[in-house]
């Protein structure tokens, strides 16, 4: 029952639990627990018997970004929400050091109370843009999943936001940005802002949920053949969503890259 549409079908009063996050509703059915900010917006979801499993297809597809750097030993999770990425990386055979940032203290409480976020996991409570301006660390991987209901922040169309992101990234690192553009013009604005500071830019359009993922690197993105080889050797070798994300990856670096098969 892990698909987005199947969870939405069970987002009904029959499966609702008490919830202490303002404006959100909590549900549980058939081994899954999830939190909605509106009837069509799932903020976070968890498979109760295996909390480290990523449930939402857009989150699983974002793991394509783990194949872009030569290594992932440090991760910045912007918009930690229910802590899905934090739980997931803790289950890696060699877990990376993960830093979480979440704007809502209520959401952080819900993550610890209802979504198995370990109490020892440090999460900075505050605005992600402010955190990026204060932080001085650099990371191999940055995951950017900043949503209020179904709206991404306006910062995604500001090249200064991407400039700050670039400063937090190791030279060989990678960034995955989850977006849900309302129009083609909005997507173009986000891509153009990113291209001011990243030579490697790719997009993945997800058909089921409508999200568009940006994959960013300071240098050109690893070519498709290299990514296929890395996927085959990774923990995601049998993951359909990561495989489909790789197949759907569109390179925006040059005409030659875009036609790469």
Protein backbone atom coordinates (compact mmCIF):
# COMPACT_ATOMS: atom_id res chain seq x y z
CA UNK A 1 0.00 0.00 0.00
CA UNK A 2 2.99 2.29 -0.25
CA UNK A 3 1.99 4.28 -3.31
CA UNK A 4 0.93 7.89 -2.89
CA UNK A 5 -2.53 7.25 -4.36
CA UNK A 6 -3.19 4.29 -2.08
CA UNK A 7 -2.36 6.34 1.00
CA UNK A 8 -4.67 9.10 -0.17
CA UNK A 9 -7.52 6.62 -0.57
CA UNK A 10 -7.23 5.84 3.14
CA UNK A 11 -6.93 9.46 4.24
CA UNK A 12 -10.38 9.26 5.85
CA UNK A 13 -11.88 9.61 9.32
CA UNK A 14 -11.92 5.81 9.66
CA UNK A 15 -8.13 5.72 9.91
CA UNK A 16 -7.50 9.03 11.69
CA UNK A 17 -5.52 9.29 14.94
CA UNK A 18 -5.22 12.17 17.43
CA UNK A 19 -2.69 14.72 16.15
CA UNK A 20 -0.88 17.56 17.90
CA UNK A 21 0.44 19.34 14.79
CA UNK A 22 -1.57 22.46 13.95
CA UNK A 23 -3.39 22.18 10.64
CA UNK A 24 -2.40 18.55 10.10
CA UNK A 25 -4.15 15.18 10.44
CA UNK A 26 -2.54 11.88 11.36
CA UNK A 27 -3.59 8.52 9.88
CA UNK A 28 -2.69 4.85 10.28
CA UNK A 29 -3.76 1.85 8.20
CA UNK A 30 -2.37 -1.49 7.03
CA UNK A 31 1.02 -0.99 8.64
CA UNK A 32 1.54 2.61 7.49
CA UNK A 33 1.33 5.90 9.37
CA UNK A 34 1.20 9.25 7.61
CA UNK A 35 0.61 12.95 8.24
CA UNK A 36 -1.40 15.25 5.93
CA UNK A 37 -1.54 19.04 5.87
CA UNK A 38 -4.52 18.87 3.49
CA UNK A 39 -6.51 16.04 1.85
CA UNK A 40 -4.08 15.89 -1.10
CA UNK A 41 -0.80 16.74 0.66
CA UNK A 42 1.06 13.99 2.52
CA UNK A 43 3.81 15.60 4.57
CA UNK A 44 5.46 12.42 5.78
CA UNK A 45 4.79 8.68 5.86
CA UNK A 46 6.33 5.65 7.56
CA UNK A 47 6.13 1.87 7.28
CA UNK A 48 5.69 1.00 10.95
CA UNK A 49 7.51 -2.35 10.85
CA UNK A 50 10.50 -0.85 9.02
CA UNK A 51 10.82 2.88 9.79
CA UNK A 52 13.98 3.22 7.69
CA UNK A 53 12.11 2.48 4.45
CA UNK A 54 11.25 5.55 2.39
CA UNK A 55 7.53 5.37 1.61
CA UNK A 56 6.72 8.33 -0.63
CA UNK A 57 7.77 7.88 -4.28
CA UNK A 58 9.26 11.38 -4.57
CA UNK A 59 11.46 10.73 -1.53
CA UNK A 60 12.64 7.40 -2.93
CA UNK A 61 13.37 9.02 -6.30
CA UNK A 62 15.46 11.68 -4.55
CA UNK A 63 17.90 8.92 -3.60
CA UNK A 64 19.18 9.15 -7.18
CA UNK A 65 21.23 12.04 -5.83
CA UNK A 66 23.19 9.65 -3.60
CA UNK A 67 24.75 8.20 -6.78
CA UNK A 68 26.07 11.54 -8.03
CA UNK A 69 28.96 12.13 -5.58
CA UNK A 70 31.84 9.63 -5.39
CA UNK A 71 31.00 9.19 -1.69
CA UNK A 72 28.33 10.29 0.80
CA UNK A 73 29.75 10.71 4.29
CA UNK A 74 27.85 13.89 5.25
CA UNK A 75 24.25 14.90 4.51
CA UNK A 76 22.29 18.11 5.08
CA UNK A 77 18.53 17.49 5.26
CA UNK A 78 16.65 20.77 4.72
CA UNK A 79 13.00 20.39 5.71
CA UNK A 80 13.34 17.26 7.83
CA UNK A 81 9.59 17.00 8.44
CA UNK A 82 8.75 13.60 9.89
CA UNK A 83 12.38 12.50 9.73
CA UNK A 84 12.11 10.01 6.86
CA UNK A 85 15.53 10.76 5.37
CA UNK A 86 17.11 10.84 8.83
CA UNK A 87 15.77 7.36 9.66
CA UNK A 88 16.70 6.06 6.22
CA UNK A 89 20.36 7.06 6.34
CA UNK A 90 20.80 5.63 9.83
CA UNK A 91 20.09 2.19 8.29
CA UNK A 92 22.93 2.42 5.75
CA UNK A 93 25.72 -0.08 6.37
CA UNK A 94 28.04 2.88 6.92
CA UNK A 95 25.71 5.70 8.00
CA UNK A 96 26.71 9.22 6.95
CA UNK A 97 26.72 12.12 9.37
CA UNK A 98 23.31 13.76 8.92
CA UNK A 99 22.33 17.29 9.92
CA UNK A 100 18.61 18.06 9.94
CA UNK A 101 16.82 21.42 9.71
CA UNK A 102 13.08 21.79 10.36
CA UNK A 103 11.16 25.04 10.75
CA UNK A 104 8.31 23.62 12.85
CA UNK A 105 8.86 22.59 16.44
CA UNK A 106 5.46 20.88 16.33
CA UNK A 107 6.56 18.79 13.36
CA UNK A 108 9.76 17.83 15.15
CA UNK A 109 7.73 16.74 18.18
CA UNK A 110 5.47 14.66 15.91
CA UNK A 111 8.52 13.07 14.28
CA UNK A 112 9.77 11.91 17.67
CA UNK A 113 6.32 10.97 19.02
CA UNK A 114 4.75 9.27 16.00
CA UNK A 115 7.47 8.64 13.39
CA UNK A 116 10.27 6.87 15.28
CA UNK A 117 12.81 9.67 15.02
CA UNK A 118 15.57 8.74 17.50
CA UNK A 119 15.84 11.23 20.37
CA UNK A 120 19.60 11.50 19.90
CA UNK A 121 19.24 12.79 16.32
CA UNK A 122 20.10 16.49 16.34
CA UNK A 123 17.77 18.70 14.31
CA UNK A 124 18.10 22.47 14.11
CA UNK A 125 14.72 24.16 14.54
CA UNK A 126 14.43 27.19 12.30
CA UNK A 127 14.19 28.49 8.76
CA UNK A 128 16.37 26.60 6.26
CA UNK A 129 17.46 29.78 4.45
CA UNK A 130 18.58 31.34 7.74
CA UNK A 131 20.42 28.15 8.67
CA UNK A 132 22.27 28.11 5.34
CA UNK A 133 23.40 31.69 5.96
CA UNK A 134 24.82 30.82 9.40
CA UNK A 135 26.21 27.35 8.74
CA UNK A 136 29.88 26.95 7.87
CA UNK A 137 30.03 23.19 7.24
CA UNK A 138 30.16 21.57 3.81
CA UNK A 139 28.33 18.42 2.79
CA UNK A 140 28.57 15.62 0.24
CA UNK A 141 24.79 15.59 -0.21
CA UNK A 142 22.08 18.18 0.40
CA UNK A 143 18.40 17.20 0.28
CA UNK A 144 16.04 20.14 -0.06
CA UNK A 145 12.38 19.28 0.62
CA UNK A 146 10.91 22.60 1.74
CA UNK A 147 7.14 22.56 1.50
CA UNK A 148 4.26 24.31 3.21
CA UNK A 149 1.28 22.11 2.31
CA UNK A 150 1.73 21.81 -1.50
CA UNK A 151 3.70 25.06 -1.92
CA UNK A 152 7.46 25.33 -2.18
CA UNK A 153 9.13 28.50 -0.87
CA UNK A 154 9.67 31.47 -3.18
CA UNK A 155 13.39 31.19 -2.35
CA UNK A 156 13.63 28.44 -4.96
CA UNK A 157 13.35 31.12 -7.65
CA UNK A 158 16.05 33.27 -6.06
CA UNK A 159 19.58 32.71 -7.34
CA UNK A 160 20.93 33.92 -3.98
CA UNK A 161 19.36 30.85 -2.37
CA UNK A 162 21.26 28.61 -4.76
CA UNK A 163 24.43 30.64 -4.21
CA UNK A 164 24.16 29.89 -0.50
CA UNK A 165 23.46 26.22 -1.21
CA UNK A 166 26.57 26.04 -3.39
CA UNK A 167 28.73 27.29 -0.52
CA UNK A 168 27.52 24.45 1.68
CA UNK A 169 28.48 21.79 -0.88
CA UNK A 170 31.79 19.97 -1.32
CA UNK A 171 33.23 20.34 -4.82
CA UNK A 172 32.17 16.80 -5.75
CA UNK A 173 28.91 16.88 -3.79
CA UNK A 174 25.33 16.88 -5.06
CA UNK A 175 21.98 18.43 -4.25
CA UNK A 176 18.45 17.10 -4.77
CA UNK A 177 15.66 19.70 -4.69
CA UNK A 178 12.03 18.58 -4.53
CA UNK A 179 9.69 21.02 -6.29
CA UNK A 180 6.05 21.11 -7.32
CA UNK A 181 5.86 23.93 -9.88
CA UNK A 182 2.43 25.28 -10.73
CA UNK A 183 3.46 26.18 -14.27
CA UNK A 184 6.18 25.74 -16.84
CA UNK A 185 7.26 29.33 -16.24
CA UNK A 186 7.74 28.64 -12.54
CA UNK A 187 9.90 25.59 -13.32
CA UNK A 188 11.97 27.64 -15.78
CA UNK A 189 12.50 30.27 -13.08
CA UNK A 190 13.76 27.67 -10.62
CA UNK A 191 16.06 26.04 -13.18
CA UNK A 192 17.50 29.38 -14.33
CA UNK A 193 18.19 30.42 -10.74
CA UNK A 194 20.01 27.12 -10.13
CA UNK A 195 22.06 27.36 -13.32
CA UNK A 196 23.64 30.60 -12.07
CA UNK A 197 25.65 28.55 -9.56
CA UNK A 198 25.71 24.94 -10.76
CA UNK A 199 27.30 23.66 -13.94
CA UNK A 200 25.56 20.31 -13.57
CA UNK A 201 21.76 20.57 -13.68
CA UNK A 202 19.26 17.80 -14.34
CA UNK A 203 15.53 17.40 -13.84
CA UNK A 204 13.36 14.38 -13.14
CA UNK A 205 9.62 14.69 -13.67
CA UNK A 206 7.59 12.27 -11.55
CA UNK A 207 4.36 11.28 -13.26
CA UNK A 208 2.45 9.86 -10.29
CA UNK A 209 2.77 12.79 -7.88
CA UNK A 210 3.55 15.68 -10.24
CA UNK A 211 6.77 16.66 -8.50
CA UNK A 212 9.86 17.76 -10.39
CA UNK A 213 13.24 16.97 -8.87
CA UNK A 214 16.35 19.04 -9.56
CA UNK A 215 19.73 17.29 -9.43
CA UNK A 216 22.62 19.73 -9.03
CA UNK A 217 26.42 19.55 -8.97
CA UNK A 218 29.08 22.23 -9.20
CA UNK A 219 30.73 20.30 -12.02
CA UNK A 220 28.82 18.44 -14.73
CA UNK A 221 26.51 15.68 -13.57
CA UNK A 222 27.93 12.19 -13.73
CA UNK A 223 27.05 10.66 -17.11
CA UNK A 224 24.26 8.12 -17.38
CA UNK A 225 26.55 5.13 -17.91
CA UNK A 226 28.46 5.97 -14.73
CA UNK A 227 25.21 6.36 -12.81
CA UNK A 228 23.91 3.02 -14.09
CA UNK A 229 27.09 1.36 -12.88
CA UNK A 230 26.86 3.05 -9.47
CA UNK A 231 23.19 2.10 -9.19
CA UNK A 232 23.96 -1.57 -9.88
CA UNK A 233 26.50 -1.56 -7.02
CA UNK A 234 24.36 0.42 -4.57
CA UNK A 235 21.69 -0.40 -2.00
CA UNK A 236 19.18 0.94 -4.55
CA UNK A 237 19.98 -1.62 -7.24
CA UNK A 238 16.49 -3.16 -6.94
CA UNK A 239 14.65 0.08 -6.18
CA UNK A 240 12.16 0.79 -8.96
CA UNK A 241 11.75 4.46 -8.11
CA UNK A 242 15.48 5.19 -8.26
CA UNK A 243 15.81 3.23 -11.51
CA UNK A 244 12.88 5.12 -13.04
CA UNK A 245 14.30 8.44 -11.83
CA UNK A 246 17.59 7.65 -13.55
CA UNK A 247 15.77 6.71 -16.75
CA UNK A 248 13.78 9.96 -16.59
CA UNK A 249 16.77 12.17 -15.76
CA UNK A 250 17.06 14.97 -18.29
CA UNK A 251 20.43 16.67 -18.48
CA UNK A 252 20.24 20.45 -18.93
CA UNK A 253 23.96 21.11 -19.11
CA UNK A 254 24.38 20.98 -22.87
CA UNK A 255 22.72 19.68 -25.99
CA UNK A 256 25.10 16.70 -25.96
CA UNK A 257 24.18 15.78 -22.40
CA UNK A 258 20.44 16.09 -23.03
CA UNK A 259 20.61 13.51 -25.80
CA UNK A 260 22.72 11.10 -23.75
CA UNK A 261 20.97 7.72 -23.61
